[in-house]
Amino acid sequence: MAIKEELNTLLTKKMDRKDFLKHVGIGVVAVTGLSAFLKALAPSPKKAAVQQTNTSQYGYGGSVYGGTKNS
């Protein structure tokens, strides 16, 4: 029941906009987790290391058109 009492105290507390936003921010971080919050703020890594599966060492025109190369 301590959580209900703390929630009731928080809801009846007089606060200005700054305090309200601070409490809401702390609540969001507590619910979603700090690591998920920081991951959402961090820029996503670039996928520059994407490798092609069908690369040819011979370059353009180095394989049989429409088929496979038997070597």
PDB file of N, CA and C in Angstrom:
ATOM      1  N   MET A   1       0.810  -1.201   0.000  1.00  0.00           N
ATOM      2  CA  MET A   1       0.000   0.000   0.000  1.00  0.00           C
ATOM      3  C   MET A   1       0.849   1.259   0.000  1.00  0.00           C
ATOM      4  N   ALA A   2       2.118   1.131   0.169  1.00  0.00           N
ATOM      5  CA  ALA A   2       2.984   2.296   0.210  1.00  0.00           C
ATOM      6  C   ALA A   2       3.020   2.998  -1.144  1.00  0.00           C
ATOM      7  N   ILE A   3       2.914   2.209  -2.205  1.00  0.00           N
ATOM      8  CA  ILE A   3       2.932   2.804  -3.542  1.00  0.00           C
ATOM      9  C   ILE A   3       1.676   3.651  -3.759  1.00  0.00           C
ATOM     10  N   LYS A   4       0.536   3.162  -3.305  1.00  0.00           N
ATOM     11  CA  LYS A   4      -0.699   3.931  -3.452  1.00  0.00           C
ATOM     12  C   LYS A   4      -0.632   5.242  -2.673  1.00  0.00           C
ATOM     13  N   GLU A   5      -0.052   5.177  -1.487  1.00  0.00           N
ATOM     14  CA  GLU A   5       0.066   6.389  -0.677  1.00  0.00           C
ATOM     15  C   GLU A   5       1.015   7.394  -1.330  1.00  0.00           C
ATOM     16  N   GLU A   6       2.133   6.899  -1.872  1.00  0.00           N
ATOM     17  CA  GLU A   6       3.080   7.790  -2.543  1.00  0.00           C
ATOM     18  C   GLU A   6       2.462   8.394  -3.805  1.00  0.00           C
ATOM     19  N   LEU A   7       1.714   7.596  -4.544  1.00  0.00           N
ATOM     20  CA  LEU A   7       1.047   8.102  -5.747  1.00  0.00           C
ATOM     21  C   LEU A   7       0.000   9.148  -5.379  1.00  0.00           C
ATOM     22  N   ASN A   8      -0.751   8.895  -4.329  1.00  0.00           N
ATOM     23  CA  ASN A   8      -1.763   9.855  -3.885  1.00  0.00           C
ATOM     24  C   ASN A   8      -1.109  11.160  -3.433  1.00  0.00           C
ATOM     25  N   THR A   9       0.022  11.049  -2.729  1.00  0.00           N
ATOM     26  CA  THR A   9       0.752  12.248  -2.298  1.00  0.00           C
ATOM     27  C   THR A   9       1.251  13.033  -3.499  1.00  0.00           C
ATOM     28  N   LEU A  10       1.752  12.325  -4.482  1.00  0.00           N
ATOM     29  CA  LEU A  10       2.262  12.985  -5.690  1.00  0.00           C
ATOM     30  C   LEU A  10       1.134  13.671  -6.466  1.00  0.00           C
ATOM     31  N   LEU A  11      -0.018  13.022  -6.556  1.00  0.00           N
ATOM     32  CA  LEU A  11      -1.132  13.598  -7.313  1.00  0.00           C
ATOM     33  C   LEU A  11      -1.766  14.801  -6.611  1.00  0.00           C
ATOM     34  N   THR A  12      -1.693  14.846  -5.288  1.00  0.00           N
ATOM     35  CA  THR A  12      -2.299  15.970  -4.576  1.00  0.00           C
ATOM     36  C   THR A  12      -1.311  17.108  -4.326  1.00  0.00           C
ATOM     37  N   LYS A  13      -0.042  16.886  -4.674  1.00  0.00           N
ATOM     38  CA  LYS A  13       0.991  17.898  -4.448  1.00  0.00           C
ATOM     39  C   LYS A  13       0.814  19.058  -5.425  1.00  0.00           C
ATOM     40  N   LYS A  14       0.928  20.276  -4.902  1.00  0.00           N
ATOM     41  CA  LYS A  14       0.869  21.441  -5.778  1.00  0.00           C
ATOM     42  C   LYS A  14       2.215  21.614  -6.449  1.00  0.00           C
ATOM     43  N   MET A  15       2.197  21.794  -7.781  1.00  0.00           N
ATOM     44  CA  MET A  15       3.443  21.954  -8.523  1.00  0.00           C
ATOM     45  C   MET A  15       3.209  22.834  -9.727  1.00  0.00           C
ATOM     46  N   ASP A  16       4.278  23.455 -10.172  1.00  0.00           N
ATOM     47  CA  ASP A  16       4.181  24.274 -11.372  1.00  0.00           C
ATOM     48  C   ASP A  16       4.511  23.402 -12.588  1.00  0.00           C
ATOM     49  N   ARG A  17       4.530  24.022 -13.752  1.00  0.00           N
ATOM     50  CA  ARG A  17       4.748  23.290 -14.999  1.00  0.00           C
ATOM     51  C   ARG A  17       6.107  22.596 -15.027  1.00  0.00           C
ATOM     52  N   LYS A  18       7.130  23.267 -14.519  1.00  0.00           N
ATOM     53  CA  LYS A  18       8.480  22.703 -14.527  1.00  0.00           C
ATOM     54  C   LYS A  18       8.543  21.432 -13.674  1.00  0.00           C
ATOM     55  N   ASP A  19       7.968  21.490 -12.484  1.00  0.00           N
ATOM     56  CA  ASP A  19       7.949  20.302 -11.626  1.00  0.00           C
ATOM     57  C   ASP A  19       7.133  19.176 -12.249  1.00  0.00           C
ATOM     58  N   PHE A  20       6.003  19.532 -12.856  1.00  0.00           N
ATOM     59  CA  PHE A  20       5.163  18.521 -13.493  1.00  0.00           C
ATOM     60  C   PHE A  20       5.914  17.809 -14.616  1.00  0.00           C
ATOM     61  N   LEU A  21       6.582  18.580 -15.480  1.00  0.00           N
ATOM     62  CA  LEU A  21       7.318  17.961 -16.580  1.00  0.00           C
ATOM     63  C   LEU A  21       8.478  17.111 -16.069  1.00  0.00           C
ATOM     64  N   LYS A  22       9.104  17.553 -14.982  1.00  0.00           N
ATOM     65  CA  LYS A  22      10.183  16.771 -14.391  1.00  0.00           C
ATOM     66  C   LYS A  22       9.656  15.426 -13.876  1.00  0.00           C
ATOM     67  N   HIS A  23       8.525  15.439 -13.202  1.00  0.00           N
ATOM     68  CA  HIS A  23       7.937  14.201 -12.686  1.00  0.00           C
ATOM     69  C   HIS A  23       7.491  13.284 -13.823  1.00  0.00           C
ATOM     70  N   VAL A  24       6.909  13.848 -14.854  1.00  0.00           N
ATOM     71  CA  VAL A  24       6.481  13.036 -15.997  1.00  0.00           C
ATOM     72  C   VAL A  24       7.697  12.416 -16.690  1.00  0.00           C
ATOM     73  N   GLY A  25       8.768  13.188 -16.851  1.00  0.00           N
ATOM     74  CA  GLY A  25       9.985  12.660 -17.467  1.00  0.00           C
ATOM     75  C   GLY A  25      10.590  11.531 -16.666  1.00  0.00           C
ATOM     76  N   ILE A  26      10.641  11.685 -15.358  1.00  0.00           N
ATOM     77  CA  ILE A  26      11.164  10.624 -14.494  1.00  0.00           C
ATOM     78  C   ILE A  26      10.286   9.382 -14.589  1.00  0.00           C
ATOM     79  N   GLY A  27       8.992   9.581 -14.664  1.00  0.00           N
ATOM     80  CA  GLY A  27       8.075   8.440 -14.791  1.00  0.00           C
ATOM     81  C   GLY A  27       8.245   7.706 -16.104  1.00  0.00           C
ATOM     82  N   VAL A  28       8.442   8.450 -17.190  1.00  0.00           N
ATOM     83  CA  VAL A  28       8.639   7.814 -18.497  1.00  0.00           C
ATOM     84  C   VAL A  28       9.931   7.010 -18.509  1.00  0.00           C
ATOM     85  N   VAL A  29      10.987   7.580 -17.952  1.00  0.00           N
ATOM     86  CA  VAL A  29      12.263   6.866 -17.892  1.00  0.00           C
ATOM     87  C   VAL A  29      12.134   5.625 -17.014  1.00  0.00           C
ATOM     88  N   ALA A  30      11.416   5.725 -15.930  1.00  0.00           N
ATOM     89  CA  ALA A  30      11.247   4.584 -15.045  1.00  0.00           C
ATOM     90  C   ALA A  30      10.453   3.470 -15.719  1.00  0.00           C
ATOM     91  N   VAL A  31       9.450   3.837 -16.509  1.00  0.00           N
ATOM     92  CA  VAL A  31       8.613   2.827 -17.158  1.00  0.00           C
ATOM     93  C   VAL A  31       9.340   2.166 -18.326  1.00  0.00           C
ATOM     94  N   THR A  32       9.950   2.943 -19.157  1.00  0.00           N
ATOM     95  CA  THR A  32      10.575   2.381 -20.359  1.00  0.00           C
ATOM     96  C   THR A  32      11.969   1.841 -20.096  1.00  0.00           C
ATOM     97  N   GLY A  33      12.596   2.284 -19.070  1.00  0.00           N
ATOM     98  CA  GLY A  33      13.952   1.838 -18.778  1.00  0.00           C
ATOM     99  C   GLY A  33      14.959   2.822 -19.324  1.00  0.00           C
ATOM    100  N   LEU A  34      16.006   3.022 -18.579  1.00  0.00           N
ATOM    101  CA  LEU A  34      17.007   4.006 -18.952  1.00  0.00           C
ATOM    102  C   LEU A  34      17.743   3.605 -20.225  1.00  0.00           C
ATOM    103  N   SER A  35      18.030   2.330 -20.384  1.00  0.00           N
ATOM    104  CA  SER A  35      18.782   1.908 -21.575  1.00  0.00           C
ATOM    105  C   SER A  35      17.965   2.092 -22.852  1.00  0.00           C
ATOM    106  N   ALA A  36      16.677   1.805 -22.798  1.00  0.00           N
ATOM    107  CA  ALA A  36      15.842   1.993 -23.985  1.00  0.00           C
ATOM    108  C   ALA A  36      15.704   3.475 -24.317  1.00  0.00           C
ATOM    109  N   PHE A  37      15.654   4.311 -23.305  1.00  0.00           N
ATOM    110  CA  PHE A  37      15.545   5.751 -23.514  1.00  0.00           C
ATOM    111  C   PHE A  37      16.813   6.299 -24.161  1.00  0.00           C
ATOM    112  N   LEU A  38      17.970   5.858 -23.667  1.00  0.00           N
ATOM    113  CA  LEU A  38      19.226   6.314 -24.254  1.00  0.00           C
ATOM    114  C   LEU A  38      19.418   5.766 -25.664  1.00  0.00           C
ATOM    115  N   LYS A  39      18.953   4.550 -25.917  1.00  0.00           N
ATOM    116  CA  LYS A  39      19.053   3.974 -27.255  1.00  0.00           C
ATOM    117  C   LYS A  39      18.187   4.756 -28.251  1.00  0.00           C
ATOM    118  N   ALA A  40      17.050   5.255 -27.799  1.00  0.00           N
ATOM    119  CA  ALA A  40      16.175   6.037 -28.673  1.00  0.00           C
ATOM    120  C   ALA A  40      16.787   7.395 -28.995  1.00  0.00           C
ATOM    121  N   LEU A  41      17.554   7.960 -28.080  1.00  0.00           N
ATOM    122  CA  LEU A  41      18.172   9.254 -28.317  1.00  0.00           C
ATOM    123  C   LEU A  41      19.440   9.157 -29.159  1.00  0.00           C
ATOM    124  N   ALA A  42      20.115   8.018 -29.115  1.00  0.00           N
ATOM    125  CA  ALA A  42      21.374   7.853 -29.843  1.00  0.00           C
ATOM    126  C   ALA A  42      21.093   7.706 -31.341  1.00  0.00           C
ATOM    127  N   PRO A  43      21.966   8.253 -32.192  1.00  0.00           N
ATOM    128  CA  PRO A  43      21.776   8.083 -33.638  1.00  0.00           C
ATOM    129  C   PRO A  43      21.985   6.632 -34.029  1.00  0.00           C
ATOM    130  N   SER A  44      21.228   6.198 -35.009  1.00  0.00           N
ATOM    131  CA  SER A  44      21.336   4.803 -35.441  1.00  0.00           C
ATOM    132  C   SER A  44      22.647   4.596 -36.196  1.00  0.00           C
ATOM    133  N   PRO A  45      23.288   3.442 -36.019  1.00  0.00           N
ATOM    134  CA  PRO A  45      24.551   3.186 -36.713  1.00  0.00           C
ATOM    135  C   PRO A  45      24.329   3.008 -38.206  1.00  0.00           C
ATOM    136  N   LYS A  46      25.300   3.454 -38.973  1.00  0.00           N
ATOM    137  CA  LYS A  46      25.186   3.335 -40.417  1.00  0.00           C
ATOM    138  C   LYS A  46      25.482   1.907 -40.826  1.00  0.00           C
ATOM    139  N   LYS A  47      24.782   1.452 -41.817  1.00  0.00           N
ATOM    140  CA  LYS A  47      24.972   0.088 -42.295  1.00  0.00           C
ATOM    141  C   LYS A  47      25.886   0.095 -43.508  1.00  0.00           C
ATOM    142  N   ALA A  48      27.097   0.586 -43.306  1.00  0.00           N
ATOM    143  CA  ALA A  48      28.058   0.683 -44.395  1.00  0.00           C
ATOM    144  C   ALA A  48      28.725  -0.651 -44.675  1.00  0.00           C
ATOM    145  N   ALA A  49      28.657  -1.558 -43.746  1.00  0.00           N
ATOM    146  CA  ALA A  49      29.345  -2.829 -43.902  1.00  0.00           C
ATOM    147  C   ALA A  49      28.446  -3.897 -44.520  1.00  0.00           C
ATOM    148  N   VAL A  50      27.439  -3.490 -45.264  1.00  0.00           N
ATOM    149  CA  VAL A  50      26.558  -4.450 -45.908  1.00  0.00           C
ATOM    150  C   VAL A  50      27.311  -5.083 -47.070  1.00  0.00           C
ATOM    151  N   GLN A  51      27.375  -6.396 -47.057  1.00  0.00           N
ATOM    152  CA  GLN A  51      28.104  -7.101 -48.096  1.00  0.00           C
ATOM    153  C   GLN A  51      27.118  -7.671 -49.104  1.00  0.00           C
ATOM    154  N   GLN A  52      27.527  -7.687 -50.342  1.00  0.00           N
ATOM    155  CA  GLN A  52      26.710  -8.282 -51.384  1.00  0.00           C
ATOM    156  C   GLN A  52      27.033  -9.770 -51.452  1.00  0.00           C
ATOM    157  N   THR A  53      26.005 -10.573 -51.657  1.00  0.00           N
ATOM    158  CA  THR A  53      26.227 -12.017 -51.684  1.00  0.00           C
ATOM    159  C   THR A  53      26.613 -12.506 -53.076  1.00  0.00           C
ATOM    160  N   ASN A  54      26.302 -11.763 -54.115  1.00  0.00           N
ATOM    161  CA  ASN A  54      26.560 -12.196 -55.473  1.00  0.00           C
ATOM    162  C   ASN A  54      27.621 -11.314 -56.132  1.00  0.00           C
ATOM    163  N   THR A  55      28.759 -11.200 -55.542  1.00  0.00           N
ATOM    164  CA  THR A  55      29.797 -10.370 -56.128  1.00  0.00           C
ATOM    165  C   THR A  55      30.637 -11.200 -57.085  1.00  0.00           C
ATOM    166  N   SER A  56      31.157 -10.542 -58.074  1.00  0.00           N
ATOM    167  CA  SER A  56      31.989 -11.220 -59.058  1.00  0.00           C
ATOM    168  C   SER A  56      33.370 -10.604 -59.047  1.00  0.00           C
ATOM    169  N   GLN A  57      34.377 -11.421 -59.129  1.00  0.00           N
ATOM    170  CA  GLN A  57      35.732 -10.902 -59.136  1.00  0.00           C
ATOM    171  C   GLN A  57      36.146 -10.460 -60.527  1.00  0.00           C
ATOM    172  N   TYR A  58      35.327 -10.739 -61.531  1.00  0.00           N
ATOM    173  CA  TYR A  58      35.679 -10.407 -62.907  1.00  0.00           C
ATOM    174  C   TYR A  58      35.141  -9.059 -63.352  1.00  0.00           C
ATOM    175  N   GLY A  59      34.233  -8.470 -62.592  1.00  0.00           N
ATOM    176  CA  GLY A  59      33.689  -7.171 -62.959  1.00  0.00           C
ATOM    177  C   GLY A  59      32.494  -7.304 -63.885  1.00  0.00           C
ATOM    178  N   TYR A  60      32.163  -6.204 -64.548  1.00  0.00           N
ATOM    179  CA  TYR A  60      30.979  -6.174 -65.412  1.00  0.00           C
ATOM    180  C   TYR A  60      31.165  -7.091 -66.610  1.00  0.00           C
ATOM    181  N   GLY A  61      30.192  -7.938 -66.865  1.00  0.00           N
ATOM    182  CA  GLY A  61      30.241  -8.827 -68.022  1.00  0.00           C
ATOM    183  C   GLY A  61      31.131 -10.033 -67.830  1.00  0.00           C
ATOM    184  N   GLY A  62      31.508 -10.341 -66.625  1.00  0.00           N
ATOM    185  CA  GLY A  62      32.410 -11.451 -66.384  1.00  0.00           C
ATOM    186  C   GLY A  62      31.719 -12.787 -66.217  1.00  0.00           C
ATOM    187  N   SER A  63      30.385 -12.808 -66.253  1.00  0.00           N
ATOM    188  CA  SER A  63      29.678 -14.077 -66.105  1.00  0.00           C
ATOM    189  C   SER A  63      28.721 -14.263 -67.272  1.00  0.00           C
ATOM    190  N   VAL A  64      28.233 -15.491 -67.406  1.00  0.00           N
ATOM    191  CA  VAL A  64      27.297 -15.830 -68.474  1.00  0.00           C
ATOM    192  C   VAL A  64      25.968 -15.125 -68.210  1.00  0.00           C
ATOM    193  N   TYR A  65      25.401 -14.522 -69.252  1.00  0.00           N
ATOM    194  CA  TYR A  65      24.145 -13.802 -69.116  1.00  0.00           C
ATOM    195  C   TYR A  65      23.014 -14.773 -68.825  1.00  0.00           C
ATOM    196  N   GLY A  66      22.320 -14.580 -67.698  1.00  0.00           N
ATOM    197  CA  GLY A  66      21.144 -15.364 -67.373  1.00  0.00           C
ATOM    198  C   GLY A  66      21.460 -16.756 -66.857  1.00  0.00           C
ATOM    199  N   GLY A  67      22.659 -17.073 -66.623  1.00  0.00           N
ATOM    200  CA  GLY A  67      22.984 -18.422 -66.135  1.00  0.00           C
ATOM    201  C   GLY A  67      24.091 -18.381 -65.124  1.00  0.00           C
ATOM    202  N   THR A  68      24.709 -19.520 -64.928  1.00  0.00           N
ATOM    203  CA  THR A  68      25.822 -19.587 -63.982  1.00  0.00           C
ATOM    204  C   THR A  68      27.107 -19.912 -64.715  1.00  0.00           C
ATOM    205  N   LYS A  69      28.178 -19.590 -64.112  1.00  0.00           N
ATOM    206  CA  LYS A  69      29.474 -19.810 -64.733  1.00  0.00           C
ATOM    207  C   LYS A  69      30.066 -21.102 -64.165  1.00  0.00           C
ATOM    208  N   ASN A  70      30.413 -22.009 -65.029  1.00  0.00           N
ATOM    209  CA  ASN A  70      31.020 -23.273 -64.607  1.00  0.00           C
ATOM    210  C   ASN A  70      32.507 -23.195 -64.800  1.00  0.00           C
ATOM    211  N   SER A  71      33.262 -23.048 -63.746  1.00  0.00           N
ATOM    212  CA  SER A  71      34.711 -22.989 -63.893  1.00  0.00           C
ATOM    213  C   SER A  71      35.415 -23.849 -62.880  1.00  0.00           C
TER     214      SER A  71
END
